Amino acid sequence: TDTAVLVRALNVAEAAGFGGPEPAPEQPAPEQPPAAEQPLGEQAEGAQLEGEQPAEALAPTEEELREREERRDMGERMAVIRERLAGLELESHRLEVRERLAAALEGTDV
């Protein structure tokens, strides 16, 4: 049935890690002021002093951006699937109620 297909697709997508919340961005070490409070030059300089990469190297790569976009797209698709699934469940419930009502009117059990 349509419901079973949608549930299966939703479960597979969730198991693959799609549709979940975006991972939280890495936070700077507590002893450092937030990056927004430091000029870019100091950020890069501080990172290099600690043996890290400069701020430019910390920017997401094209692949990371593409993966984020794919996750967002999959999340949007999953939201549509959930919405359709909820609609199908509601319609299924309505049909069940109609069947029971018809059976009650006829004097039979369903």
PDB file of N, CA and C in Angstrom:
ATOM      1  N   THR A   1       0.841  -1.196   0.000  1.00  0.00           N
ATOM      2  CA  THR A   1       0.000   0.000   0.000  1.00  0.00           C
ATOM      3  C   THR A   1       0.879   1.250   0.000  1.00  0.00           C
ATOM      4  N   ASP A   2       0.274   2.376  -0.300  1.00  0.00           N
ATOM      5  CA  ASP A   2       1.005   3.647  -0.297  1.00  0.00           C
ATOM      6  C   ASP A   2       1.597   3.945   1.073  1.00  0.00           C
ATOM      7  N   THR A   3       0.829   3.666   2.115  1.00  0.00           N
ATOM      8  CA  THR A   3       1.301   3.948   3.474  1.00  0.00           C
ATOM      9  C   THR A   3       2.549   3.138   3.780  1.00  0.00           C
ATOM     10  N   ALA A   4       2.533   1.863   3.458  1.00  0.00           N
ATOM     11  CA  ALA A   4       3.681   0.999   3.730  1.00  0.00           C
ATOM     12  C   ALA A   4       4.914   1.478   2.975  1.00  0.00           C
ATOM     13  N   VAL A   5       4.746   1.879   1.739  1.00  0.00           N
ATOM     14  CA  VAL A   5       5.869   2.374   0.933  1.00  0.00           C
ATOM     15  C   VAL A   5       6.439   3.647   1.549  1.00  0.00           C
ATOM     16  N   LEU A   6       5.564   4.560   1.959  1.00  0.00           N
ATOM     17  CA  LEU A   6       6.033   5.815   2.560  1.00  0.00           C
ATOM     18  C   LEU A   6       6.739   5.563   3.885  1.00  0.00           C
ATOM     19  N   VAL A   7       6.191   4.682   4.714  1.00  0.00           N
ATOM     20  CA  VAL A   7       6.823   4.367   6.000  1.00  0.00           C
ATOM     21  C   VAL A   7       8.191   3.753   5.763  1.00  0.00           C
ATOM     22  N   ARG A   8       8.287   2.830   4.819  1.00  0.00           N
ATOM     23  CA  ARG A   8       9.562   2.193   4.513  1.00  0.00           C
ATOM     24  C   ARG A   8      10.578   3.223   4.019  1.00  0.00           C
ATOM     25  N   ALA A   9      10.167   4.124   3.132  1.00  0.00           N
ATOM     26  CA  ALA A   9      11.068   5.160   2.615  1.00  0.00           C
ATOM     27  C   ALA A   9      11.531   6.078   3.734  1.00  0.00           C
ATOM     28  N   LEU A  10      10.630   6.430   4.624  1.00  0.00           N
ATOM     29  CA  LEU A  10      10.974   7.291   5.748  1.00  0.00           C
ATOM     30  C   LEU A  10      11.975   6.600   6.665  1.00  0.00           C
ATOM     31  N   ASN A  11      11.754   5.335   6.971  1.00  0.00           N
ATOM     32  CA  ASN A  11      12.665   4.588   7.837  1.00  0.00           C
ATOM     33  C   ASN A  11      14.045   4.444   7.213  1.00  0.00           C
ATOM     34  N   VAL A  12      14.098   4.158   5.928  1.00  0.00           N
ATOM     35  CA  VAL A  12      15.386   4.014   5.238  1.00  0.00           C
ATOM     36  C   VAL A  12      16.140   5.338   5.249  1.00  0.00           C
ATOM     37  N   ALA A  13      15.446   6.429   4.957  1.00  0.00           N
ATOM     38  CA  ALA A  13      16.096   7.743   4.928  1.00  0.00           C
ATOM     39  C   ALA A  13      16.601   8.130   6.310  1.00  0.00           C
ATOM     40  N   GLU A  14      15.807   7.880   7.352  1.00  0.00           N
ATOM     41  CA  GLU A  14      16.247   8.211   8.706  1.00  0.00           C
ATOM     42  C   GLU A  14      17.431   7.346   9.117  1.00  0.00           C
ATOM     43  N   ALA A  15      17.417   6.074   8.750  1.00  0.00           N
ATOM     44  CA  ALA A  15      18.528   5.186   9.078  1.00  0.00           C
ATOM     45  C   ALA A  15      19.806   5.629   8.378  1.00  0.00           C
ATOM     46  N   ALA A  16      19.664   6.237   7.209  1.00  0.00           N
ATOM     47  CA  ALA A  16      20.825   6.720   6.461  1.00  0.00           C
ATOM     48  C   ALA A  16      21.317   8.063   6.986  1.00  0.00           C
ATOM     49  N   GLY A  17      20.619   8.624   7.962  1.00  0.00           N
ATOM     50  CA  GLY A  17      21.071   9.877   8.556  1.00  0.00           C
ATOM     51  C   GLY A  17      20.498  11.114   7.910  1.00  0.00           C
ATOM     52  N   PHE A  18      19.510  10.954   7.051  1.00  0.00           N
ATOM     53  CA  PHE A  18      18.905  12.113   6.414  1.00  0.00           C
ATOM     54  C   PHE A  18      17.710  12.585   7.225  1.00  0.00           C
ATOM     55  N   GLY A  19      17.477  13.893   7.120  1.00  0.00           N
ATOM     56  CA  GLY A  19      16.288  14.438   7.752  1.00  0.00           C
ATOM     57  C   GLY A  19      16.435  14.790   9.201  1.00  0.00           C
ATOM     58  N   GLY A  20      17.544  14.443   9.794  1.00  0.00           N
ATOM     59  CA  GLY A  20      17.786  14.796  11.181  1.00  0.00           C
ATOM     60  C   GLY A  20      18.241  16.232  11.299  1.00  0.00           C
ATOM     61  N   PRO A  21      18.455  16.678  12.512  1.00  0.00           N
ATOM     62  CA  PRO A  21      18.919  18.051  12.696  1.00  0.00           C
ATOM     63  C   PRO A  21      20.326  18.232  12.149  1.00  0.00           C
ATOM     64  N   GLU A  22      20.617  19.430  11.720  1.00  0.00           N
ATOM     65  CA  GLU A  22      21.956  19.745  11.245  1.00  0.00           C
ATOM     66  C   GLU A  22      22.926  19.613  12.415  1.00  0.00           C
ATOM     67  N   PRO A  23      24.132  19.081  12.194  1.00  0.00           N
ATOM     68  CA  PRO A  23      25.089  19.011  13.290  1.00  0.00           C
ATOM     69  C   PRO A  23      25.455  20.416  13.755  1.00  0.00           C
ATOM     70  N   ALA A  24      25.631  20.543  15.050  1.00  0.00           N
ATOM     71  CA  ALA A  24      25.978  21.852  15.611  1.00  0.00           C
ATOM     72  C   ALA A  24      27.376  22.244  15.149  1.00  0.00           C
ATOM     73  N   PRO A  25      27.588  23.517  14.818  1.00  0.00           N
ATOM     74  CA  PRO A  25      28.924  23.940  14.418  1.00  0.00           C
ATOM     75  C   PRO A  25      29.872  23.825  15.602  1.00  0.00           C
ATOM     76  N   GLU A  26      31.138  23.588  15.297  1.00  0.00           N
ATOM     77  CA  GLU A  26      32.122  23.459  16.364  1.00  0.00           C
ATOM     78  C   GLU A  26      32.253  24.777  17.099  1.00  0.00           C
ATOM     79  N   GLN A  27      32.325  24.681  18.416  1.00  0.00           N
ATOM     80  CA  GLN A  27      32.450  25.864  19.254  1.00  0.00           C
ATOM     81  C   GLN A  27      33.932  26.128  19.520  1.00  0.00           C
ATOM     82  N   PRO A  28      34.344  27.419  19.597  1.00  0.00           N
ATOM     83  CA  PRO A  28      35.735  27.710  19.938  1.00  0.00           C
ATOM     84  C   PRO A  28      36.016  27.294  21.382  1.00  0.00           C
ATOM     85  N   ALA A  29      37.272  27.086  21.694  1.00  0.00           N
ATOM     86  CA  ALA A  29      37.660  26.718  23.054  1.00  0.00           C
ATOM     87  C   ALA A  29      37.182  27.793  24.023  1.00  0.00           C
ATOM     88  N   PRO A  30      36.762  27.417  25.238  1.00  0.00           N
ATOM     89  CA  PRO A  30      36.184  28.387  26.172  1.00  0.00           C
ATOM     90  C   PRO A  30      37.109  29.543  26.536  1.00  0.00           C
ATOM     91  N   GLU A  31      38.421  29.321  26.571  1.00  0.00           N
ATOM     92  CA  GLU A  31      39.324  30.400  26.961  1.00  0.00           C
ATOM     93  C   GLU A  31      39.489  31.460  25.877  1.00  0.00           C
ATOM     94  N   GLN A  32      39.036  31.180  24.660  1.00  0.00           N
ATOM     95  CA  GLN A  32      39.129  32.143  23.573  1.00  0.00           C
ATOM     96  C   GLN A  32      37.813  32.900  23.455  1.00  0.00           C
ATOM     97  N   PRO A  33      37.878  34.196  23.128  1.00  0.00           N
ATOM     98  CA  PRO A  33      36.620  34.900  22.868  1.00  0.00           C
ATOM     99  C   PRO A  33      35.993  34.337  21.594  1.00  0.00           C
ATOM    100  N   PRO A  34      34.665  34.412  21.452  1.00  0.00           N
ATOM    101  CA  PRO A  34      34.024  33.918  20.226  1.00  0.00           C
ATOM    102  C   PRO A  34      34.636  34.561  18.986  1.00  0.00           C
ATOM    103  N   ALA A  35      34.622  33.813  17.887  1.00  0.00           N
ATOM    104  CA  ALA A  35      35.249  34.274  16.648  1.00  0.00           C
ATOM    105  C   ALA A  35      34.698  35.613  16.192  1.00  0.00           C
ATOM    106  N   ALA A  36      33.426  35.883  16.458  1.00  0.00           N
ATOM    107  CA  ALA A  36      32.827  37.147  16.027  1.00  0.00           C
ATOM    108  C   ALA A  36      33.458  38.345  16.738  1.00  0.00           C
ATOM    109  N   GLU A  37      34.047  38.121  17.907  1.00  0.00           N
ATOM    110  CA  GLU A  37      34.649  39.218  18.660  1.00  0.00           C
ATOM    111  C   GLU A  37      36.101  39.467  18.265  1.00  0.00           C
ATOM    112  N   GLN A  38      36.702  38.575  17.487  1.00  0.00           N
ATOM    113  CA  GLN A  38      38.090  38.729  17.075  1.00  0.00           C
ATOM    114  C   GLN A  38      38.141  39.191  15.624  1.00  0.00           C
ATOM    115  N   PRO A  39      39.037  40.117  15.309  1.00  0.00           N
ATOM    116  CA  PRO A  39      39.249  40.456  13.899  1.00  0.00           C
ATOM    117  C   PRO A  39      39.760  39.219  13.155  1.00  0.00           C
ATOM    118  N   LEU A  40      39.484  39.146  11.858  1.00  0.00           N
ATOM    119  CA  LEU A  40      39.871  37.969  11.080  1.00  0.00           C
ATOM    120  C   LEU A  40      41.361  37.685  11.148  1.00  0.00           C
ATOM    121  N   GLY A  41      42.162  38.719  11.103  1.00  0.00           N
ATOM    122  CA  GLY A  41      43.611  38.528  11.179  1.00  0.00           C
ATOM    123  C   GLY A  41      44.015  37.838  12.467  1.00  0.00           C
ATOM    124  N   GLU A  42      43.415  38.244  13.571  1.00  0.00           N
ATOM    125  CA  GLU A  42      43.727  37.621  14.852  1.00  0.00           C
ATOM    126  C   GLU A  42      43.226  36.182  14.900  1.00  0.00           C
ATOM    127  N   GLN A  43      42.091  35.921  14.274  1.00  0.00           N
ATOM    128  CA  GLN A  43      41.568  34.556  14.255  1.00  0.00           C
ATOM    129  C   GLN A  43      42.561  33.641  13.555  1.00  0.00           C
ATOM    130  N   ALA A  44      43.003  34.055  12.380  1.00  0.00           N
ATOM    131  CA  ALA A  44      43.936  33.239  11.614  1.00  0.00           C
ATOM    132  C   ALA A  44      45.257  33.114  12.355  1.00  0.00           C
ATOM    133  N   GLU A  45      45.725  34.213  12.919  1.00  0.00           N
ATOM    134  CA  GLU A  45      46.986  34.214  13.640  1.00  0.00           C
ATOM    135  C   GLU A  45      46.899  33.312  14.859  1.00  0.00           C
ATOM    136  N   GLY A  46      45.820  33.439  15.626  1.00  0.00           N
ATOM    137  CA  GLY A  46      45.638  32.618  16.817  1.00  0.00           C
ATOM    138  C   GLY A  46      45.550  31.146  16.467  1.00  0.00           C
ATOM    139  N   ALA A  47      44.876  30.836  15.396  1.00  0.00           N
ATOM    140  CA  ALA A  47      44.745  29.452  14.977  1.00  0.00           C
ATOM    141  C   ALA A  47      46.099  28.888  14.577  1.00  0.00           C
ATOM    142  N   GLN A  48      46.900  29.694  13.879  1.00  0.00           N
ATOM    143  CA  GLN A  48      48.209  29.223  13.453  1.00  0.00           C
ATOM    144  C   GLN A  48      49.124  29.034  14.658  1.00  0.00           C
ATOM    145  N   LEU A  49      49.016  29.900  15.661  1.00  0.00           N
ATOM    146  CA  LEU A  49      49.850  29.771  16.848  1.00  0.00           C
ATOM    147  C   LEU A  49      49.539  28.485  17.599  1.00  0.00           C
ATOM    148  N   GLU A  50      48.310  28.050  17.570  1.00  0.00           N
ATOM    149  CA  GLU A  50      47.919  26.843  18.280  1.00  0.00           C
ATOM    150  C   GLU A  50      48.091  25.599  17.412  1.00  0.00           C
ATOM    151  N   GLY A  51      48.677  25.733  16.251  1.00  0.00           N
ATOM    152  CA  GLY A  51      48.901  24.602  15.371  1.00  0.00           C
ATOM    153  C   GLY A  51      47.680  24.222  14.556  1.00  0.00           C
ATOM    154  N   GLU A  52      46.685  25.085  14.514  1.00  0.00           N
ATOM    155  CA  GLU A  52      45.486  24.817  13.728  1.00  0.00           C
ATOM    156  C   GLU A  52      45.616  25.489  12.373  1.00  0.00           C
ATOM    157  N   GLN A  53      44.605  25.302  11.553  1.00  0.00           N
ATOM    158  CA  GLN A  53      44.602  25.910  10.233  1.00  0.00           C
ATOM    159  C   GLN A  53      44.065  27.331  10.327  1.00  0.00           C
ATOM    160  N   PRO A  54      44.457  28.207   9.383  1.00  0.00           N
ATOM    161  CA  PRO A  54      43.912  29.568   9.384  1.00  0.00           C
ATOM    162  C   PRO A  54      42.398  29.551   9.158  1.00  0.00           C
ATOM    163  N   ALA A  55      41.746  30.666   9.487  1.00  0.00           N
ATOM    164  CA  ALA A  55      40.285  30.763   9.410  1.00  0.00           C
ATOM    165  C   ALA A  55      39.765  30.427   8.018  1.00  0.00           C
ATOM    166  N   GLU A  56      40.496  30.790   6.967  1.00  0.00           N
ATOM    167  CA  GLU A  56      40.036  30.509   5.608  1.00  0.00           C
ATOM    168  C   GLU A  56      39.916  29.003   5.386  1.00  0.00           C
ATOM    169  N   ALA A  57      40.813  28.230   5.990  1.00  0.00           N
ATOM    170  CA  ALA A  57      40.796  26.784   5.802  1.00  0.00           C
ATOM    171  C   ALA A  57      39.655  26.137   6.589  1.00  0.00           C
ATOM    172  N   LEU A  58      39.093  26.850   7.550  1.00  0.00           N
ATOM    173  CA  LEU A  58      38.001  26.306   8.348  1.00  0.00           C
ATOM    174  C   LEU A  58      36.652  26.455   7.654  1.00  0.00           C
ATOM    175  N   ALA A  59      36.605  27.220   6.580  1.00  0.00           N
ATOM    176  CA  ALA A  59      35.357  27.399   5.828  1.00  0.00           C
ATOM    177  C   ALA A  59      34.954  26.051   5.228  1.00  0.00           C
ATOM    178  N   PRO A  60      33.657  25.793   5.125  1.00  0.00           N
ATOM    179  CA  PRO A  60      33.219  24.507   4.573  1.00  0.00           C
ATOM    180  C   PRO A  60      33.659  24.340   3.117  1.00  0.00           C
ATOM    181  N   THR A  61      34.015  23.117   2.782  1.00  0.00           N
ATOM    182  CA  THR A  61      34.414  22.821   1.404  1.00  0.00           C
ATOM    183  C   THR A  61      33.164  22.703   0.537  1.00  0.00           C
ATOM    184  N   GLU A  62      33.375  22.665  -0.768  1.00  0.00           N
ATOM    185  CA  GLU A  62      32.245  22.505  -1.691  1.00  0.00           C
ATOM    186  C   GLU A  62      31.518  21.194  -1.415  1.00  0.00           C
ATOM    187  N   GLU A  63      32.290  20.156  -1.110  1.00  0.00           N
ATOM    188  CA  GLU A  63      31.681  18.856  -0.819  1.00  0.00           C
ATOM    189  C   GLU A  63      30.817  18.930   0.440  1.00  0.00           C
ATOM    190  N   GLU A  64      31.326  19.605   1.484  1.00  0.00           N
ATOM    191  CA  GLU A  64      30.541  19.761   2.713  1.00  0.00           C
ATOM    192  C   GLU A  64      29.272  20.567   2.448  1.00  0.00           C
ATOM    193  N   LEU A  65      29.395  21.621   1.658  1.00  0.00           N
ATOM    194  CA  LEU A  65      28.218  22.426   1.320  1.00  0.00           C
ATOM    195  C   LEU A  65      27.202  21.598   0.535  1.00  0.00           C
ATOM    196  N   ARG A  66      27.701  20.786  -0.390  1.00  0.00           N
ATOM    197  CA  ARG A  66      26.823  19.929  -1.191  1.00  0.00           C
ATOM    198  C   ARG A  66      26.130  18.899  -0.289  1.00  0.00           C
ATOM    199  N   GLU A  67      26.892  18.316   0.660  1.00  0.00           N
ATOM    200  CA  GLU A  67      26.301  17.344   1.583  1.00  0.00           C
ATOM    201  C   GLU A  67      25.231  17.995   2.453  1.00  0.00           C
ATOM    202  N   ARG A  68      25.492  19.214   2.916  1.00  0.00           N
ATOM    203  CA  ARG A  68      24.494  19.939   3.714  1.00  0.00           C
ATOM    204  C   ARG A  68      23.228  20.183   2.901  1.00  0.00           C
ATOM    205  N   GLU A  69      23.426  20.583   1.638  1.00  0.00           N
ATOM    206  CA  GLU A  69      22.278  20.845   0.769  1.00  0.00           C
ATOM    207  C   GLU A  69      21.491  19.555   0.524  1.00  0.00           C
ATOM    208  N   GLU A  70      22.219  18.443   0.325  1.00  0.00           N
ATOM    209  CA  GLU A  70      21.551  17.156   0.119  1.00  0.00           C
ATOM    210  C   GLU A  70      20.758  16.758   1.359  1.00  0.00           C
ATOM    211  N   ARG A  71      21.350  16.961   2.558  1.00  0.00           N
ATOM    212  CA  ARG A  71      20.642  16.644   3.804  1.00  0.00           C
ATOM    213  C   ARG A  71      19.398  17.511   3.948  1.00  0.00           C
ATOM    214  N   ARG A  72      19.537  18.807   3.616  1.00  0.00           N
ATOM    215  CA  ARG A  72      18.391  19.712   3.718  1.00  0.00           C
ATOM    216  C   ARG A  72      17.297  19.278   2.738  1.00  0.00           C
ATOM    217  N   ASP A  73      17.709  18.967   1.490  1.00  0.00           N
ATOM    218  CA  ASP A  73      16.737  18.513   0.486  1.00  0.00           C
ATOM    219  C   ASP A  73      16.046  17.228   0.937  1.00  0.00           C
ATOM    220  N   MET A  74      16.835  16.297   1.475  1.00  0.00           N
ATOM    221  CA  MET A  74      16.254  15.041   1.946  1.00  0.00           C
ATOM    222  C   MET A  74      15.313  15.312   3.114  1.00  0.00           C
ATOM    223  N   GLY A  75      15.683  16.239   3.976  1.00  0.00           N
ATOM    224  CA  GLY A  75      14.807  16.607   5.089  1.00  0.00           C
ATOM    225  C   GLY A  75      13.490  17.169   4.596  1.00  0.00           C
ATOM    226  N   GLU A  76      13.564  17.996   3.549  1.00  0.00           N
ATOM    227  CA  GLU A  76      12.336  18.555   2.973  1.00  0.00           C
ATOM    228  C   GLU A  76      11.483  17.446   2.357  1.00  0.00           C
ATOM    229  N   ARG A  77      12.133  16.507   1.674  1.00  0.00           N
ATOM    230  CA  ARG A  77      11.386  15.387   1.084  1.00  0.00           C
ATOM    231  C   ARG A  77      10.729  14.544   2.176  1.00  0.00           C
ATOM    232  N   MET A  78      11.481  14.327   3.259  1.00  0.00           N
ATOM    233  CA  MET A  78      10.933  13.540   4.359  1.00  0.00           C
ATOM    234  C   MET A  78       9.751  14.251   5.001  1.00  0.00           C
ATOM    235  N   ALA A  79       9.805  15.568   5.083  1.00  0.00           N
ATOM    236  CA  ALA A  79       8.676  16.324   5.634  1.00  0.00           C
ATOM    237  C   ALA A  79       7.442  16.122   4.761  1.00  0.00           C
ATOM    238  N   VAL A  80       7.638  16.123   3.444  1.00  0.00           N
ATOM    239  CA  VAL A  80       6.519  15.884   2.524  1.00  0.00           C
ATOM    240  C   VAL A  80       5.988  14.463   2.712  1.00  0.00           C
ATOM    241  N   ILE A  81       6.898  13.504   2.856  1.00  0.00           N
ATOM    242  CA  ILE A  81       6.484  12.112   3.061  1.00  0.00           C
ATOM    243  C   ILE A  81       5.688  11.988   4.357  1.00  0.00           C
ATOM    244  N   ARG A  82       6.187  12.621   5.425  1.00  0.00           N
ATOM    245  CA  ARG A  82       5.469  12.570   6.705  1.00  0.00           C
ATOM    246  C   ARG A  82       4.072  13.174   6.569  1.00  0.00           C
ATOM    247  N   GLU A  83       3.996  14.287   5.843  1.00  0.00           N
ATOM    248  CA  GLU A  83       2.703  14.948   5.642  1.00  0.00           C
ATOM    249  C   GLU A  83       1.752  14.033   4.864  1.00  0.00           C
ATOM    250  N   ARG A  84       2.265  13.419   3.810  1.00  0.00           N
ATOM    251  CA  ARG A  84       1.429  12.505   3.015  1.00  0.00           C
ATOM    252  C   ARG A  84       1.025  11.296   3.842  1.00  0.00           C
ATOM    253  N   LEU A  85       1.957  10.789   4.645  1.00  0.00           N
ATOM    254  CA  LEU A  85       1.666   9.646   5.500  1.00  0.00           C
ATOM    255  C   LEU A  85       0.573   9.991   6.505  1.00  0.00           C
ATOM    256  N   ALA A  86       0.664  11.161   7.105  1.00  0.00           N
ATOM    257  CA  ALA A  86      -0.370  11.598   8.049  1.00  0.00           C
ATOM    258  C   ALA A  86      -1.718  11.692   7.340  1.00  0.00           C
ATOM    259  N   GLY A  87      -1.715  12.206   6.117  1.00  0.00           N
ATOM    260  CA  GLY A  87      -2.952  12.291   5.340  1.00  0.00           C
ATOM    261  C   GLY A  87      -3.523  10.920   5.030  1.00  0.00           C
ATOM    262  N   LEU A  88      -2.637   9.977   4.677  1.00  0.00           N
ATOM    263  CA  LEU A  88      -3.099   8.618   4.388  1.00  0.00           C
ATOM    264  C   LEU A  88      -3.645   7.943   5.640  1.00  0.00           C
ATOM    265  N   GLU A  89      -2.978   8.173   6.775  1.00  0.00           N
ATOM    266  CA  GLU A  89      -3.463   7.596   8.027  1.00  0.00           C
ATOM    267  C   GLU A  89      -4.831   8.167   8.380  1.00  0.00           C
ATOM    268  N   LEU A  90      -5.000   9.466   8.171  1.00  0.00           N
ATOM    269  CA  LEU A  90      -6.288  10.101   8.442  1.00  0.00           C
ATOM    270  C   LEU A  90      -7.366   9.525   7.520  1.00  0.00           C
ATOM    271  N   GLU A  91      -7.040   9.393   6.249  1.00  0.00           N
ATOM    272  CA  GLU A  91      -8.001   8.830   5.291  1.00  0.00           C
ATOM    273  C   GLU A  91      -8.326   7.385   5.652  1.00  0.00           C
ATOM    274  N   SER A  92      -7.316   6.619   6.060  1.00  0.00           N
ATOM    275  CA  SER A  92      -7.531   5.235   6.470  1.00  0.00           C
ATOM    276  C   SER A  92      -8.473   5.183   7.670  1.00  0.00           C
ATOM    277  N   HIS A  93      -8.263   6.077   8.618  1.00  0.00           N
ATOM    278  CA  HIS A  93      -9.131   6.137   9.797  1.00  0.00           C
ATOM    279  C   HIS A  93     -10.565   6.478   9.385  1.00  0.00           C
ATOM    280  N   ARG A  94     -10.696   7.440   8.481  1.00  0.00           N
ATOM    281  CA  ARG A  94     -12.035   7.821   8.004  1.00  0.00           C
ATOM    282  C   ARG A  94     -12.739   6.641   7.345  1.00  0.00           C
ATOM    283  N   LEU A  95     -12.003   5.894   6.514  1.00  0.00           N
ATOM    284  CA  LEU A  95     -12.596   4.730   5.848  1.00  0.00           C
ATOM    285  C   LEU A  95     -13.018   3.676   6.870  1.00  0.00           C
ATOM    286  N   GLU A  96     -12.178   3.473   7.876  1.00  0.00           N
ATOM    287  CA  GLU A  96     -12.507   2.505   8.922  1.00  0.00           C
ATOM    288  C   GLU A  96     -13.779   2.927   9.663  1.00  0.00           C
ATOM    289  N   VAL A  97     -13.890   4.211   9.980  1.00  0.00           N
ATOM    290  CA  VAL A  97     -15.083   4.719  10.661  1.00  0.00           C
ATOM    291  C   VAL A  97     -16.307   4.530   9.775  1.00  0.00           C
ATOM    292  N   ARG A  98     -16.163   4.817   8.478  1.00  0.00           N
ATOM    293  CA  ARG A  98     -17.293   4.635   7.552  1.00  0.00           C
ATOM    294  C   ARG A  98     -17.730   3.168   7.495  1.00  0.00           C
ATOM    295  N   GLU A  99     -16.730   2.259   7.445  1.00  0.00           N
ATOM    296  CA  GLU A  99     -17.045   0.832   7.398  1.00  0.00           C
ATOM    297  C   GLU A  99     -17.781   0.401   8.659  1.00  0.00           C
ATOM    298  N   ARG A 100     -17.306   0.872   9.809  1.00  0.00           N
ATOM    299  CA  ARG A 100     -17.961   0.513  11.073  1.00  0.00           C
ATOM    300  C   ARG A 100     -19.372   1.093  11.138  1.00  0.00           C
ATOM    301  N   LEU A 101     -19.515   2.324  10.669  1.00  0.00           N
ATOM    302  CA  LEU A 101     -20.831   2.956  10.667  1.00  0.00           C
ATOM    303  C   LEU A 101     -21.785   2.188   9.749  1.00  0.00           C
ATOM    304  N   ALA A 102     -21.297   1.835   8.565  1.00  0.00           N
ATOM    305  CA  ALA A 102     -22.126   1.073   7.627  1.00  0.00           C
ATOM    306  C   ALA A 102     -22.498  -0.280   8.226  1.00  0.00           C
ATOM    307  N   ALA A 103     -21.525  -0.936   8.877  1.00  0.00           N
ATOM    308  CA  ALA A 103     -21.796  -2.234   9.498  1.00  0.00           C
ATOM    309  C   ALA A 103     -22.798  -2.086  10.636  1.00  0.00           C
ATOM    310  N   ALA A 104     -22.662  -1.014  11.417  1.00  0.00           N
ATOM    311  CA  ALA A 104     -23.597  -0.783  12.522  1.00  0.00           C
ATOM    312  C   ALA A 104     -25.001  -0.532  11.991  1.00  0.00           C
ATOM    313  N   LEU A 105     -25.090   0.202  10.897  1.00  0.00           N
ATOM    314  CA  LEU A 105     -26.398   0.475  10.306  1.00  0.00           C
ATOM    315  C   LEU A 105     -27.032  -0.793   9.743  1.00  0.00           C
ATOM    316  N   GLU A 106     -26.187  -1.714   9.276  1.00  0.00           N
ATOM    317  CA  GLU A 106     -26.685  -2.982   8.738  1.00  0.00           C
ATOM    318  C   GLU A 106     -26.888  -4.013   9.836  1.00  0.00           C
ATOM    319  N   GLY A 107     -26.361  -3.721  11.043  1.00  0.00           N
ATOM    320  CA  GLY A 107     -26.512  -4.647  12.165  1.00  0.00           C
ATOM    321  C   GLY A 107     -25.502  -5.770  12.170  1.00  0.00           C
ATOM    322  N   THR A 108     -24.334  -5.575  11.527  1.00  0.00           N
ATOM    323  CA  THR A 108     -23.286  -6.597  11.524  1.00  0.00           C
ATOM    324  C   THR A 108     -22.032  -6.040  12.174  1.00  0.00           C
ATOM    325  N   ASP A 109     -21.136  -6.955  12.587  1.00  0.00           N
ATOM    326  CA  ASP A 109     -19.843  -6.550  13.159  1.00  0.00           C
ATOM    327  C   ASP A 109     -18.785  -6.525  12.071  1.00  0.00           C
ATOM    328  N   VAL A 110     -17.820  -5.636  12.261  1.00  0.00           N
ATOM    329  CA  VAL A 110     -16.698  -5.553  11.320  1.00  0.00           C
ATOM    330  C   VAL A 110     -15.498  -6.196  11.953  1.00  0.00           C
TER     331      VAL A 110
END
